[in-house]
PDB file of N, CA and C in Angstrom:
ATOM      1  N   MET A   1       0.847  -1.179   0.018  1.00  0.00           N
ATOM      2  CA  MET A   1      -0.007   0.019   0.010  1.00  0.00           C
ATOM      3  C   MET A   1       0.888   1.239   0.005  1.00  0.00           C
ATOM      4  N   GLN A   2       0.567   2.192  -0.836  1.00  0.00           N
ATOM      5  CA  GLN A   2       1.292   3.430  -0.901  1.00  0.00           C
ATOM      6  C   GLN A   2       0.744   4.401   0.113  1.00  0.00           C
ATOM      7  N   PHE A   3       1.608   5.086   0.832  1.00  0.00           N
ATOM      8  CA  PHE A   3       1.177   6.100   1.798  1.00  0.00           C
ATOM      9  C   PHE A   3       1.568   7.475   1.320  1.00  0.00           C
ATOM     10  N   ASP A   4       0.739   8.464   1.656  1.00  0.00           N
ATOM     11  CA  ASP A   4       1.082   9.836   1.369  1.00  0.00           C
ATOM     12  C   ASP A   4       2.173  10.282   2.342  1.00  0.00           C
ATOM     13  N   ASP A   5       2.800  11.437   2.109  1.00  0.00           N
ATOM     14  CA  ASP A   5       3.895  11.909   2.907  1.00  0.00           C
ATOM     15  C   ASP A   5       3.483  12.118   4.354  1.00  0.00           C
ATOM     16  N   LEU A   6       2.293  12.681   4.583  1.00  0.00           N
ATOM     17  CA  LEU A   6       1.855  12.940   5.947  1.00  0.00           C
ATOM     18  C   LEU A   6       1.694  11.605   6.707  1.00  0.00           C
ATOM     19  N   SER A   7       1.076  10.633   6.112  1.00  0.00           N
ATOM     20  CA  SER A   7       0.896   9.337   6.749  1.00  0.00           C
ATOM     21  C   SER A   7       2.219   8.726   7.080  1.00  0.00           C
ATOM     22  N   ARG A   8       3.195   8.801   6.139  1.00  0.00           N
ATOM     23  CA  ARG A   8       4.519   8.275   6.360  1.00  0.00           C
ATOM     24  C   ARG A   8       5.206   8.936   7.551  1.00  0.00           C
ATOM     25  N   LYS A   9       5.089  10.238   7.666  1.00  0.00           N
ATOM     26  CA  LYS A   9       5.686  10.960   8.756  1.00  0.00           C
ATOM     27  C   LYS A   9       5.065  10.532  10.097  1.00  0.00           C
ATOM     28  N   VAL A  10       3.789  10.436  10.154  1.00  0.00           N
ATOM     29  CA  VAL A  10       3.084  10.025  11.385  1.00  0.00           C
ATOM     30  C   VAL A  10       3.465   8.581  11.747  1.00  0.00           C
ATOM     31  N   ILE A  11       3.510   7.712  10.771  1.00  0.00           N
ATOM     32  CA  ILE A  11       3.928   6.344  11.011  1.00  0.00           C
ATOM     33  C   ILE A  11       5.353   6.290  11.542  1.00  0.00           C
ATOM     34  N   GLY A  12       6.225   7.089  10.961  1.00  0.00           N
ATOM     35  CA  GLY A  12       7.619   7.154  11.488  1.00  0.00           C
ATOM     36  C   GLY A  12       7.662   7.579  12.947  1.00  0.00           C
ATOM     37  N   CYS A  13       6.833   8.577  13.293  1.00  0.00           N
ATOM     38  CA  CYS A  13       6.777   9.006  14.704  1.00  0.00           C
ATOM     39  C   CYS A  13       6.237   7.883  15.578  1.00  0.00           C
ATOM     40  N   ALA A  14       5.236   7.180  15.119  1.00  0.00           N
ATOM     41  CA  ALA A  14       4.659   6.073  15.897  1.00  0.00           C
ATOM     42  C   ALA A  14       5.685   4.958  16.066  1.00  0.00           C
ATOM     43  N   ILE A  15       6.470   4.658  15.032  1.00  0.00           N
ATOM     44  CA  ILE A  15       7.487   3.653  15.102  1.00  0.00           C
ATOM     45  C   ILE A  15       8.519   4.036  16.155  1.00  0.00           C
ATOM     46  N   GLU A  16       8.875   5.336  16.205  1.00  0.00           N
ATOM     47  CA  GLU A  16       9.853   5.820  17.187  1.00  0.00           C
ATOM     48  C   GLU A  16       9.330   5.603  18.620  1.00  0.00           C
ATOM     49  N   VAL A  17       8.022   5.903  18.807  1.00  0.00           N
ATOM     50  CA  VAL A  17       7.422   5.698  20.115  1.00  0.00           C
ATOM     51  C   VAL A  17       7.459   4.220  20.507  1.00  0.00           C
ATOM     52  N   HIS A  18       7.033   3.385  19.568  1.00  0.00           N
ATOM     53  CA  HIS A  18       6.973   1.932  19.815  1.00  0.00           C
ATOM     54  C   HIS A  18       8.374   1.353  20.058  1.00  0.00           C
ATOM     55  N   LYS A  19       9.362   1.855  19.306  1.00  0.00           N
ATOM     56  CA  LYS A  19      10.756   1.393  19.471  1.00  0.00           C
ATOM     57  C   LYS A  19      11.260   1.755  20.862  1.00  0.00           C
ATOM     58  N   THR A  20      10.846   2.891  21.346  1.00  0.00           N
ATOM     59  CA  THR A  20      11.287   3.363  22.669  1.00  0.00           C
ATOM     60  C   THR A  20      10.555   2.700  23.812  1.00  0.00           C
ATOM     61  N   LEU A  21       9.214   2.558  23.691  1.00  0.00           N
ATOM     62  CA  LEU A  21       8.417   2.059  24.799  1.00  0.00           C
ATOM     63  C   LEU A  21       8.087   0.558  24.702  1.00  0.00           C
ATOM     64  N   GLY A  22       7.987   0.017  23.490  1.00  0.00           N
ATOM     65  CA  GLY A  22       7.546  -1.358  23.322  1.00  0.00           C
ATOM     66  C   GLY A  22       6.013  -1.453  23.461  1.00  0.00           C
ATOM     67  N   ALA A  23       5.523  -2.661  23.531  1.00  0.00           N
ATOM     68  CA  ALA A  23       4.088  -2.951  23.639  1.00  0.00           C
ATOM     69  C   ALA A  23       3.698  -3.077  25.117  1.00  0.00           C
ATOM     70  N   GLY A  24       2.380  -3.002  25.364  1.00  0.00           N
ATOM     71  CA  GLY A  24       1.853  -3.349  26.670  1.00  0.00           C
ATOM     72  C   GLY A  24       1.476  -2.186  27.569  1.00  0.00           C
ATOM     73  N   LEU A  25       1.601  -0.949  27.085  1.00  0.00           N
ATOM     74  CA  LEU A  25       1.216   0.172  27.914  1.00  0.00           C
ATOM     75  C   LEU A  25      -0.237   0.647  27.571  1.00  0.00           C
ATOM     76  N   LEU A  26      -0.687   1.614  28.328  1.00  0.00           N
ATOM     77  CA  LEU A  26      -2.026   2.168  28.068  1.00  0.00           C
ATOM     78  C   LEU A  26      -2.042   3.007  26.816  1.00  0.00           C
ATOM     79  N   GLU A  27      -3.182   3.025  26.133  1.00  0.00           N
ATOM     80  CA  GLU A  27      -3.359   3.859  24.964  1.00  0.00           C
ATOM     81  C   GLU A  27      -3.024   5.313  25.250  1.00  0.00           C
ATOM     82  N   SER A  28      -3.402   5.807  26.388  1.00  0.00           N
ATOM     83  CA  SER A  28      -3.180   7.223  26.750  1.00  0.00           C
ATOM     84  C   SER A  28      -1.670   7.525  26.782  1.00  0.00           C
ATOM     85  N   THR A  29      -0.867   6.618  27.203  1.00  0.00           N
ATOM     86  CA  THR A  29       0.585   6.807  27.222  1.00  0.00           C
ATOM     87  C   THR A  29       1.150   6.966  25.807  1.00  0.00           C
ATOM     88  N   TYR A  30       0.700   6.080  24.923  1.00  0.00           N
ATOM     89  CA  TYR A  30       1.145   6.147  23.527  1.00  0.00           C
ATOM     90  C   TYR A  30       0.690   7.449  22.887  1.00  0.00           C
ATOM     91  N   GLU A  31      -0.529   7.890  23.215  1.00  0.00           N
ATOM     92  CA  GLU A  31      -1.039   9.141  22.660  1.00  0.00           C
ATOM     93  C   GLU A  31      -0.170  10.335  23.059  1.00  0.00           C
ATOM     94  N   LYS A  32       0.146  10.417  24.357  1.00  0.00           N
ATOM     95  CA  LYS A  32       0.995  11.535  24.817  1.00  0.00           C
ATOM     96  C   LYS A  32       2.366  11.504  24.167  1.00  0.00           C
ATOM     97  N   CYS A  33       2.960  10.341  24.075  1.00  0.00           N
ATOM     98  CA  CYS A  33       4.293  10.196  23.479  1.00  0.00           C
ATOM     99  C   CYS A  33       4.279  10.453  21.963  1.00  0.00           C
ATOM    100  N   LEU A  34       3.244   9.978  21.291  1.00  0.00           N
ATOM    101  CA  LEU A  34       3.131  10.229  19.870  1.00  0.00           C
ATOM    102  C   LEU A  34       2.907  11.731  19.594  1.00  0.00           C
ATOM    103  N   ALA A  35       2.121  12.386  20.444  1.00  0.00           N
ATOM    104  CA  ALA A  35       1.916  13.835  20.312  1.00  0.00           C
ATOM    105  C   ALA A  35       3.274  14.552  20.460  1.00  0.00           C
ATOM    106  N   TYR A  36       4.053  14.118  21.399  1.00  0.00           N
ATOM    107  CA  TYR A  36       5.390  14.719  21.608  1.00  0.00           C
ATOM    108  C   TYR A  36       6.223  14.544  20.352  1.00  0.00           C
ATOM    109  N   GLU A  37       6.268  13.338  19.786  1.00  0.00           N
ATOM    110  CA  GLU A  37       7.038  13.062  18.578  1.00  0.00           C
ATOM    111  C   GLU A  37       6.519  13.893  17.399  1.00  0.00           C
ATOM    112  N   LEU A  38       5.212  14.024  17.281  1.00  0.00           N
ATOM    113  CA  LEU A  38       4.653  14.830  16.164  1.00  0.00           C
ATOM    114  C   LEU A  38       5.141  16.293  16.321  1.00  0.00           C
ATOM    115  N   GLY A  39       5.169  16.795  17.519  1.00  0.00           N
ATOM    116  CA  GLY A  39       5.669  18.143  17.758  1.00  0.00           C
ATOM    117  C   GLY A  39       7.137  18.258  17.386  1.00  0.00           C
ATOM    118  N   LEU A  40       7.959  17.286  17.736  1.00  0.00           N
ATOM    119  CA  LEU A  40       9.372  17.293  17.354  1.00  0.00           C
ATOM    120  C   LEU A  40       9.546  17.271  15.864  1.00  0.00           C
ATOM    121  N   ALA A  41       8.605  16.605  15.155  1.00  0.00           N
ATOM    122  CA  ALA A  41       8.689  16.509  13.712  1.00  0.00           C
ATOM    123  C   ALA A  41       8.152  17.772  13.022  1.00  0.00           C
ATOM    124  N   GLY A  42       7.667  18.734  13.818  1.00  0.00           N
ATOM    125  CA  GLY A  42       7.152  19.988  13.260  1.00  0.00           C
ATOM    126  C   GLY A  42       5.732  19.866  12.675  1.00  0.00           C
ATOM    127  N   LEU A  43       4.999  18.852  13.105  1.00  0.00           N
ATOM    128  CA  LEU A  43       3.660  18.659  12.609  1.00  0.00           C
ATOM    129  C   LEU A  43       2.638  19.278  13.578  1.00  0.00           C
ATOM    130  N   PHE A  44       1.713  19.963  13.017  1.00  0.00           N
ATOM    131  CA  PHE A  44       0.593  20.554  13.799  1.00  0.00           C
ATOM    132  C   PHE A  44      -0.405  19.431  14.083  1.00  0.00           C
ATOM    133  N   TYR A  45      -0.872  19.367  15.337  1.00  0.00           N
ATOM    134  CA  TYR A  45      -1.850  18.334  15.698  1.00  0.00           C
ATOM    135  C   TYR A  45      -2.743  18.886  16.820  1.00  0.00           C
ATOM    136  N   THR A  46      -3.901  18.268  16.919  1.00  0.00           N
ATOM    137  CA  THR A  46      -4.776  18.453  18.075  1.00  0.00           C
ATOM    138  C   THR A  46      -4.999  17.091  18.683  1.00  0.00           C
ATOM    139  N   ALA A  47      -5.122  17.055  19.993  1.00  0.00           N
ATOM    140  CA  ALA A  47      -5.360  15.817  20.715  1.00  0.00           C
ATOM    141  C   ALA A  47      -6.688  15.889  21.440  1.00  0.00           C
ATOM    142  N   GLN A  48      -7.416  14.770  21.425  1.00  0.00           N
ATOM    143  CA  GLN A  48      -8.672  14.650  22.116  1.00  0.00           C
ATOM    144  C   GLN A  48      -9.677  15.716  21.673  1.00  0.00           C
ATOM    145  N   GLU A  49      -9.707  15.954  20.386  1.00  0.00           N
ATOM    146  CA  GLU A  49     -10.631  16.948  19.795  1.00  0.00           C
ATOM    147  C   GLU A  49     -12.047  16.425  19.886  1.00  0.00           C
ATOM    148  N   LEU A  50     -12.945  17.281  20.392  1.00  0.00           N
ATOM    149  CA  LEU A  50     -14.349  16.923  20.473  1.00  0.00           C
ATOM    150  C   LEU A  50     -14.943  16.695  19.136  1.00  0.00           C
ATOM    151  N   LEU A  51     -15.777  15.660  19.017  1.00  0.00           N
ATOM    152  CA  LEU A  51     -16.447  15.320  17.779  1.00  0.00           C
ATOM    153  C   LEU A  51     -17.945  15.279  17.989  1.00  0.00           C
ATOM    154  N   PRO A  52     -18.644  16.372  17.725  1.00  0.00           N
ATOM    155  CA  PRO A  52     -20.104  16.333  17.873  1.00  0.00           C
ATOM    156  C   PRO A  52     -20.734  15.563  16.725  1.00  0.00           C
ATOM    157  N   VAL A  53     -21.954  15.159  16.940  1.00  0.00           N
ATOM    158  CA  VAL A  53     -22.699  14.404  15.926  1.00  0.00           C
ATOM    159  C   VAL A  53     -23.824  15.284  15.424  1.00  0.00           C
ATOM    160  N   ASN A  54     -23.907  15.454  14.119  1.00  0.00           N
ATOM    161  CA  ASN A  54     -25.003  16.202  13.499  1.00  0.00           C
ATOM    162  C   ASN A  54     -26.103  15.214  13.168  1.00  0.00           C
ATOM    163  N   TYR A  55     -27.154  15.250  13.990  1.00  0.00           N
ATOM    164  CA  TYR A  55     -28.274  14.304  13.813  1.00  0.00           C
ATOM    165  C   TYR A  55     -29.528  15.064  13.398  1.00  0.00           C
ATOM    166  N   LYS A  56     -29.910  14.872  12.138  1.00  0.00           N
ATOM    167  CA  LYS A  56     -31.116  15.512  11.616  1.00  0.00           C
ATOM    168  C   LYS A  56     -31.054  17.042  11.777  1.00  0.00           C
ATOM    169  N   GLY A  57     -29.895  17.602  11.535  1.00  0.00           N
ATOM    170  CA  GLY A  57     -29.725  19.060  11.609  1.00  0.00           C
ATOM    171  C   GLY A  57     -29.451  19.574  12.988  1.00  0.00           C
ATOM    172  N   VAL A  58     -29.427  18.749  13.984  1.00  0.00           N
ATOM    173  CA  VAL A  58     -29.152  19.194  15.350  1.00  0.00           C
ATOM    174  C   VAL A  58     -27.753  18.669  15.703  1.00  0.00           C
ATOM    175  N   VAL A  59     -26.899  19.563  16.180  1.00  0.00           N
ATOM    176  CA  VAL A  59     -25.544  19.210  16.621  1.00  0.00           C
ATOM    177  C   VAL A  59     -25.595  18.780  18.066  1.00  0.00           C
ATOM    178  N   LEU A  60     -25.213  17.496  18.318  1.00  0.00           N
ATOM    179  CA  LEU A  60     -25.275  16.904  19.663  1.00  0.00           C
ATOM    180  C   LEU A  60     -23.858  16.526  20.113  1.00  0.00           C
ATOM    181  N   ASP A  61     -23.562  16.871  21.365  1.00  0.00           N
ATOM    182  CA  ASP A  61     -22.309  16.433  21.987  1.00  0.00           C
ATOM    183  C   ASP A  61     -22.581  15.068  22.571  1.00  0.00           C
ATOM    184  N   CYS A  62     -22.019  14.039  21.926  1.00  0.00           N
ATOM    185  CA  CYS A  62     -22.247  12.670  22.379  1.00  0.00           C
ATOM    186  C   CYS A  62     -21.027  12.089  23.076  1.00  0.00           C
ATOM    187  N   GLY A  63     -20.031  12.953  23.364  1.00  0.00           N
ATOM    188  CA  GLY A  63     -18.866  12.519  24.082  1.00  0.00           C
ATOM    189  C   GLY A  63     -17.770  11.901  23.260  1.00  0.00           C
ATOM    190  N   TYR A  64     -17.889  11.965  21.948  1.00  0.00           N
ATOM    191  CA  TYR A  64     -16.810  11.398  21.111  1.00  0.00           C
ATOM    192  C   TYR A  64     -15.621  12.339  21.043  1.00  0.00           C
ATOM    193  N   ARG A  65     -14.428  11.731  21.027  1.00  0.00           N
ATOM    194  CA  ARG A  65     -13.177  12.514  20.946  1.00  0.00           C
ATOM    195  C   ARG A  65     -12.256  11.825  19.960  1.00  0.00           C
ATOM    196  N   LEU A  66     -11.607  12.608  19.129  1.00  0.00           N
ATOM    197  CA  LEU A  66     -10.620  12.101  18.202  1.00  0.00           C
ATOM    198  C   LEU A  66      -9.283  12.049  18.927  1.00  0.00           C
ATOM    199  N   ASP A  67      -8.611  10.922  18.877  1.00  0.00           N
ATOM    200  CA  ASP A  67      -7.328  10.802  19.578  1.00  0.00           C
ATOM    201  C   ASP A  67      -6.413  11.908  19.078  1.00  0.00           C
ATOM    202  N   LEU A  68      -6.072  11.909  17.781  1.00  0.00           N
ATOM    203  CA  LEU A  68      -5.199  12.921  17.197  1.00  0.00           C
ATOM    204  C   LEU A  68      -5.719  13.307  15.825  1.00  0.00           C
ATOM    205  N   VAL A  69      -5.633  14.583  15.490  1.00  0.00           N
ATOM    206  CA  VAL A  69      -5.864  15.060  14.140  1.00  0.00           C
ATOM    207  C   VAL A  69      -4.565  15.774  13.736  1.00  0.00           C
ATOM    208  N   VAL A  70      -3.946  15.353  12.661  1.00  0.00           N
ATOM    209  CA  VAL A  70      -2.670  15.899  12.271  1.00  0.00           C
ATOM    210  C   VAL A  70      -2.828  16.776  11.022  1.00  0.00           C
ATOM    211  N   GLU A  71      -2.325  17.989  11.145  1.00  0.00           N
ATOM    212  CA  GLU A  71      -2.344  18.958  10.013  1.00  0.00           C
ATOM    213  C   GLU A  71      -3.765  19.191   9.483  1.00  0.00           C
ATOM    214  N   ASN A  72      -4.748  19.002  10.320  1.00  0.00           N
ATOM    215  CA  ASN A  72      -6.170  19.181   9.920  1.00  0.00           C
ATOM    216  C   ASN A  72      -6.529  18.324   8.713  1.00  0.00           C
ATOM    217  N   LYS A  73      -5.773  17.198   8.492  1.00  0.00           N
ATOM    218  CA  LYS A  73      -6.008  16.364   7.299  1.00  0.00           C
ATOM    219  C   LYS A  73      -6.136  14.883   7.623  1.00  0.00           C
ATOM    220  N   LEU A  74      -5.545  14.457   8.736  1.00  0.00           N
ATOM    221  CA  LEU A  74      -5.403  13.034   9.027  1.00  0.00           C
ATOM    222  C   LEU A  74      -5.873  12.691  10.430  1.00  0.00           C
ATOM    223  N   ILE A  75      -6.823  11.779  10.538  1.00  0.00           N
ATOM    224  CA  ILE A  75      -7.300  11.302  11.835  1.00  0.00           C
ATOM    225  C   ILE A  75      -6.391  10.129  12.228  1.00  0.00           C
ATOM    226  N   VAL A  76      -5.886  10.144  13.477  1.00  0.00           N
ATOM    227  CA  VAL A  76      -5.096   9.050  13.978  1.00  0.00           C
ATOM    228  C   VAL A  76      -5.821   8.472  15.171  1.00  0.00           C
ATOM    229  N   GLU A  77      -6.287   7.265  15.052  1.00  0.00           N
ATOM    230  CA  GLU A  77      -6.984   6.566  16.160  1.00  0.00           C
ATOM    231  C   GLU A  77      -6.032   5.524  16.736  1.00  0.00           C
ATOM    232  N   LEU A  78      -5.787   5.598  18.006  1.00  0.00           N
ATOM    233  CA  LEU A  78      -4.823   4.738  18.668  1.00  0.00           C
ATOM    234  C   LEU A  78      -5.515   3.671  19.472  1.00  0.00           C
ATOM    235  N   LYS A  79      -4.910   2.512  19.477  1.00  0.00           N
ATOM    236  CA  LYS A  79      -5.397   1.378  20.294  1.00  0.00           C
ATOM    237  C   LYS A  79      -4.189   0.711  20.936  1.00  0.00           C
ATOM    238  N   SER A  80      -4.453   0.012  22.023  1.00  0.00           N
ATOM    239  CA  SER A  80      -3.511  -0.852  22.676  1.00  0.00           C
ATOM    240  C   SER A  80      -4.284  -2.102  23.107  1.00  0.00           C
ATOM    241  N   VAL A  81      -4.570  -2.932  22.120  1.00  0.00           N
ATOM    242  CA  VAL A  81      -5.435  -4.078  22.300  1.00  0.00           C
ATOM    243  C   VAL A  81      -4.739  -5.318  21.752  1.00  0.00           C
ATOM    244  N   GLU A  82      -5.264  -6.488  22.140  1.00  0.00           N
ATOM    245  CA  GLU A  82      -4.679  -7.734  21.701  1.00  0.00           C
ATOM    246  C   GLU A  82      -4.700  -7.870  20.185  1.00  0.00           C
ATOM    247  N   LYS A  83      -5.793  -7.448  19.597  1.00  0.00           N
ATOM    248  CA  LYS A  83      -5.978  -7.576  18.142  1.00  0.00           C
ATOM    249  C   LYS A  83      -7.005  -6.547  17.697  1.00  0.00           C
ATOM    250  N   LEU A  84      -6.698  -5.834  16.610  1.00  0.00           N
ATOM    251  CA  LEU A  84      -7.686  -4.927  16.009  1.00  0.00           C
ATOM    252  C   LEU A  84      -8.917  -5.712  15.554  1.00  0.00           C
ATOM    253  N   GLN A  85     -10.068  -5.140  15.831  1.00  0.00           N
ATOM    254  CA  GLN A  85     -11.322  -5.763  15.477  1.00  0.00           C
ATOM    255  C   GLN A  85     -12.026  -4.897  14.406  1.00  0.00           C
ATOM    256  N   LYS A  86     -13.033  -5.485  13.781  1.00  0.00           N
ATOM    257  CA  LYS A  86     -13.805  -4.766  12.761  1.00  0.00           C
ATOM    258  C   LYS A  86     -14.435  -3.516  13.378  1.00  0.00           C
ATOM    259  N   ILE A  87     -14.833  -3.554  14.624  1.00  0.00           N
ATOM    260  CA  ILE A  87     -15.461  -2.408  15.286  1.00  0.00           C
ATOM    261  C   ILE A  87     -14.498  -1.204  15.328  1.00  0.00           C
ATOM    262  N   HIS A  88     -13.175  -1.488  15.481  1.00  0.00           N
ATOM    263  CA  HIS A  88     -12.215  -0.389  15.475  1.00  0.00           C
ATOM    264  C   HIS A  88     -12.117   0.247  14.109  1.00  0.00           C
ATOM    265  N   GLU A  89     -12.211  -0.570  13.074  1.00  0.00           N
ATOM    266  CA  GLU A  89     -12.219  -0.051  11.693  1.00  0.00           C
ATOM    267  C   GLU A  89     -13.479   0.763  11.462  1.00  0.00           C
ATOM    268  N   ALA A  90     -14.604   0.255  11.924  1.00  0.00           N
ATOM    269  CA  ALA A  90     -15.882   1.007  11.749  1.00  0.00           C
ATOM    270  C   ALA A  90     -15.843   2.335  12.495  1.00  0.00           C
ATOM    271  N   GLN A  91     -15.179   2.373  13.676  1.00  0.00           N
ATOM    272  CA  GLN A  91     -15.059   3.580  14.452  1.00  0.00           C
ATOM    273  C   GLN A  91     -14.284   4.644  13.670  1.00  0.00           C
ATOM    274  N   ILE A  92     -13.125   4.329  13.151  1.00  0.00           N
ATOM    275  CA  ILE A  92     -12.381   5.384  12.427  1.00  0.00           C
ATOM    276  C   ILE A  92     -13.054   5.779  11.137  1.00  0.00           C
ATOM    277  N   LEU A  93     -13.667   4.849  10.440  1.00  0.00           N
ATOM    278  CA  LEU A  93     -14.411   5.203   9.222  1.00  0.00           C
ATOM    279  C   LEU A  93     -15.591   6.162   9.572  1.00  0.00           C
ATOM    280  N   THR A  94     -16.238   5.913  10.671  1.00  0.00           N
ATOM    281  CA  THR A  94     -17.332   6.817  11.092  1.00  0.00           C
ATOM    282  C   THR A  94     -16.815   8.172  11.460  1.00  0.00           C
ATOM    283  N   TYR A  95     -15.693   8.230  12.177  1.00  0.00           N
ATOM    284  CA  TYR A  95     -15.060   9.497  12.523  1.00  0.00           C
ATOM    285  C   TYR A  95     -14.690  10.266  11.266  1.00  0.00           C
ATOM    286  N   MET A  96     -14.190   9.584  10.276  1.00  0.00           N
ATOM    287  CA  MET A  96     -13.819  10.211   9.010  1.00  0.00           C
ATOM    288  C   MET A  96     -15.051  10.808   8.340  1.00  0.00           C
ATOM    289  N   LYS A  97     -16.114  10.032   8.314  1.00  0.00           N
ATOM    290  CA  LYS A  97     -17.378  10.484   7.733  1.00  0.00           C
ATOM    291  C   LYS A  97     -17.940  11.724   8.454  1.00  0.00           C
ATOM    292  N   LEU A  98     -17.905  11.662   9.790  1.00  0.00           N
ATOM    293  CA  LEU A  98     -18.452  12.769  10.571  1.00  0.00           C
ATOM    294  C   LEU A  98     -17.665  14.083  10.417  1.00  0.00           C
ATOM    295  N   THR A  99     -16.325  13.923  10.262  1.00  0.00           N
ATOM    296  CA  THR A  99     -15.461  15.093  10.167  1.00  0.00           C
ATOM    297  C   THR A  99     -15.307  15.608   8.727  1.00  0.00           C
ATOM    298  N   GLY A 100     -15.531  14.725   7.753  1.00  0.00           N
ATOM    299  CA  GLY A 100     -15.284  15.098   6.370  1.00  0.00           C
ATOM    300  C   GLY A 100     -13.823  14.930   5.976  1.00  0.00           C
ATOM    301  N   LEU A 101     -13.000  14.393   6.914  1.00  0.00           N
ATOM    302  CA  LEU A 101     -11.608  14.128   6.585  1.00  0.00           C
ATOM    303  C   LEU A 101     -11.500  12.793   5.847  1.00  0.00           C
ATOM    304  N   SER A 102     -10.705  12.738   4.819  1.00  0.00           N
ATOM    305  CA  SER A 102     -10.718  11.589   3.933  1.00  0.00           C
ATOM    306  C   SER A 102      -9.606  10.535   4.231  1.00  0.00           C
ATOM    307  N   THR A 103      -8.727  10.833   5.178  1.00  0.00           N
ATOM    308  CA  THR A 103      -7.664   9.867   5.465  1.00  0.00           C
ATOM    309  C   THR A 103      -7.561   9.620   6.958  1.00  0.00           C
ATOM    310  N   GLY A 104      -7.322   8.370   7.305  1.00  0.00           N
ATOM    311  CA  GLY A 104      -7.186   7.990   8.730  1.00  0.00           C
ATOM    312  C   GLY A 104      -6.204   6.888   8.908  1.00  0.00           C
ATOM    313  N   LEU A 105      -5.564   6.888  10.050  1.00  0.00           N
ATOM    314  CA  LEU A 105      -4.661   5.804  10.475  1.00  0.00           C
ATOM    315  C   LEU A 105      -5.190   5.208  11.762  1.00  0.00           C
ATOM    316  N   LEU A 106      -5.267   3.887  11.760  1.00  0.00           N
ATOM    317  CA  LEU A 106      -5.627   3.137  12.946  1.00  0.00           C
ATOM    318  C   LEU A 106      -4.353   2.415  13.392  1.00  0.00           C
ATOM    319  N   ILE A 107      -3.847   2.717  14.575  1.00  0.00           N
ATOM    320  CA  ILE A 107      -2.565   2.180  15.023  1.00  0.00           C
ATOM    321  C   ILE A 107      -2.741   1.439  16.326  1.00  0.00           C
ATOM    322  N   ASN A 108      -2.414   0.176  16.319  1.00  0.00           N
ATOM    323  CA  ASN A 108      -2.440  -0.657  17.532  1.00  0.00           C
ATOM    324  C   ASN A 108      -1.024  -0.809  18.064  1.00  0.00           C
ATOM    325  N   PHE A 109      -0.710  -0.193  19.205  1.00  0.00           N
ATOM    326  CA  PHE A 109       0.632  -0.258  19.752  1.00  0.00           C
ATOM    327  C   PHE A 109       0.914  -1.546  20.466  1.00  0.00           C
ATOM    328  N   ASN A 110      -0.080  -2.419  20.646  1.00  0.00           N
ATOM    329  CA  ASN A 110       0.104  -3.654  21.334  1.00  0.00           C
ATOM    330  C   ASN A 110       0.510  -4.777  20.375  1.00  0.00           C
ATOM    331  N   GLU A 111       1.537  -4.528  19.592  1.00  0.00           N
ATOM    332  CA  GLU A 111       2.066  -5.461  18.620  1.00  0.00           C
ATOM    333  C   GLU A 111       3.567  -5.555  18.825  1.00  0.00           C
ATOM    334  N   ILE A 112       4.141  -6.726  18.611  1.00  0.00           N
ATOM    335  CA  ILE A 112       5.595  -6.883  18.719  1.00  0.00           C
ATOM    336  C   ILE A 112       6.271  -6.051  17.601  1.00  0.00           C
ATOM    337  N   VAL A 113       5.737  -6.128  16.386  1.00  0.00           N
ATOM    338  CA  VAL A 113       6.252  -5.309  15.302  1.00  0.00           C
ATOM    339  C   VAL A 113       5.112  -4.346  14.912  1.00  0.00           C
ATOM    340  N   LEU A 114       5.348  -3.055  15.128  1.00  0.00           N
ATOM    341  CA  LEU A 114       4.257  -2.057  14.976  1.00  0.00           C
ATOM    342  C   LEU A 114       3.637  -2.109  13.597  1.00  0.00           C
ATOM    343  N   LYS A 115       4.375  -2.316  12.557  1.00  0.00           N
ATOM    344  CA  LYS A 115       3.792  -2.256  11.180  1.00  0.00           C
ATOM    345  C   LYS A 115       2.642  -3.248  11.057  1.00  0.00           C
ATOM    346  N   ASN A 116       2.638  -4.300  11.864  1.00  0.00           N
ATOM    347  CA  ASN A 116       1.518  -5.269  11.840  1.00  0.00           C
ATOM    348  C   ASN A 116       0.247  -4.710  12.455  1.00  0.00           C
ATOM    349  N   GLY A 117       0.367  -3.581  13.173  1.00  0.00           N
ATOM    350  CA  GLY A 117      -0.785  -2.963  13.830  1.00  0.00           C
ATOM    351  C   GLY A 117      -1.231  -1.671  13.211  1.00  0.00           C
ATOM    352  N   ILE A 118      -0.799  -1.400  11.969  1.00  0.00           N
ATOM    353  CA  ILE A 118      -1.170  -0.136  11.321  1.00  0.00           C
ATOM    354  C   ILE A 118      -2.065  -0.378  10.136  1.00  0.00           C
ATOM    355  N   LYS A 119      -3.180   0.314  10.092  1.00  0.00           N
ATOM    356  CA  LYS A 119      -4.089   0.259   8.936  1.00  0.00           C
ATOM    357  C   LYS A 119      -4.398   1.710   8.543  1.00  0.00           C
ATOM    358  N   ARG A 120      -4.393   1.922   7.213  1.00  0.00           N
ATOM    359  CA  ARG A 120      -4.656   3.245   6.670  1.00  0.00           C
ATOM    360  C   ARG A 120      -5.974   3.167   5.938  1.00  0.00           C
ATOM    361  N   PHE A 121      -6.795   4.194   6.076  1.00  0.00           N
ATOM    362  CA  PHE A 121      -8.076   4.257   5.444  1.00  0.00           C
ATOM    363  C   PHE A 121      -8.210   5.531   4.640  1.00  0.00           C
ATOM    364  N   VAL A 122      -8.827   5.399   3.480  1.00  0.00           N
ATOM    365  CA  VAL A 122      -9.063   6.544   2.576  1.00  0.00           C
ATOM    366  C   VAL A 122     -10.513   6.486   2.127  1.00  0.00           C
ATOM    367  N   LEU A 123     -11.259   7.571   2.260  1.00  0.00           N
ATOM    368  CA  LEU A 123     -12.648   7.612   1.784  1.00  0.00           C
ATOM    369  C   LEU A 123     -12.637   8.135   0.361  1.00  0.00           C
TER     370      LEU A 123
END
């Protein structure tokens, strides 16, 4: 699969975090460390951005938060689970649909080799 430059940079930052910390920590730890690496790489990001739901023309705060949004173009959803499930894929696809952002990365840090836990999505 070919990745765009932004996705490659974010994946590089994620690999650096995984190389330093390894697997088995909480998702929140990986999020903070990845945010730090993104900053070092000179990438603009927001963390835990609120995601309201527009339901029949009414904007509702349903408590959804995006783990990371990089350069206002890429949603990064982080996991630290035994295995990525279809529901995790559905979650990021729904986030992409709700935000109108066309690219997303789903990264599971609970892998021995991080590249086995990365999935890229494009709408």
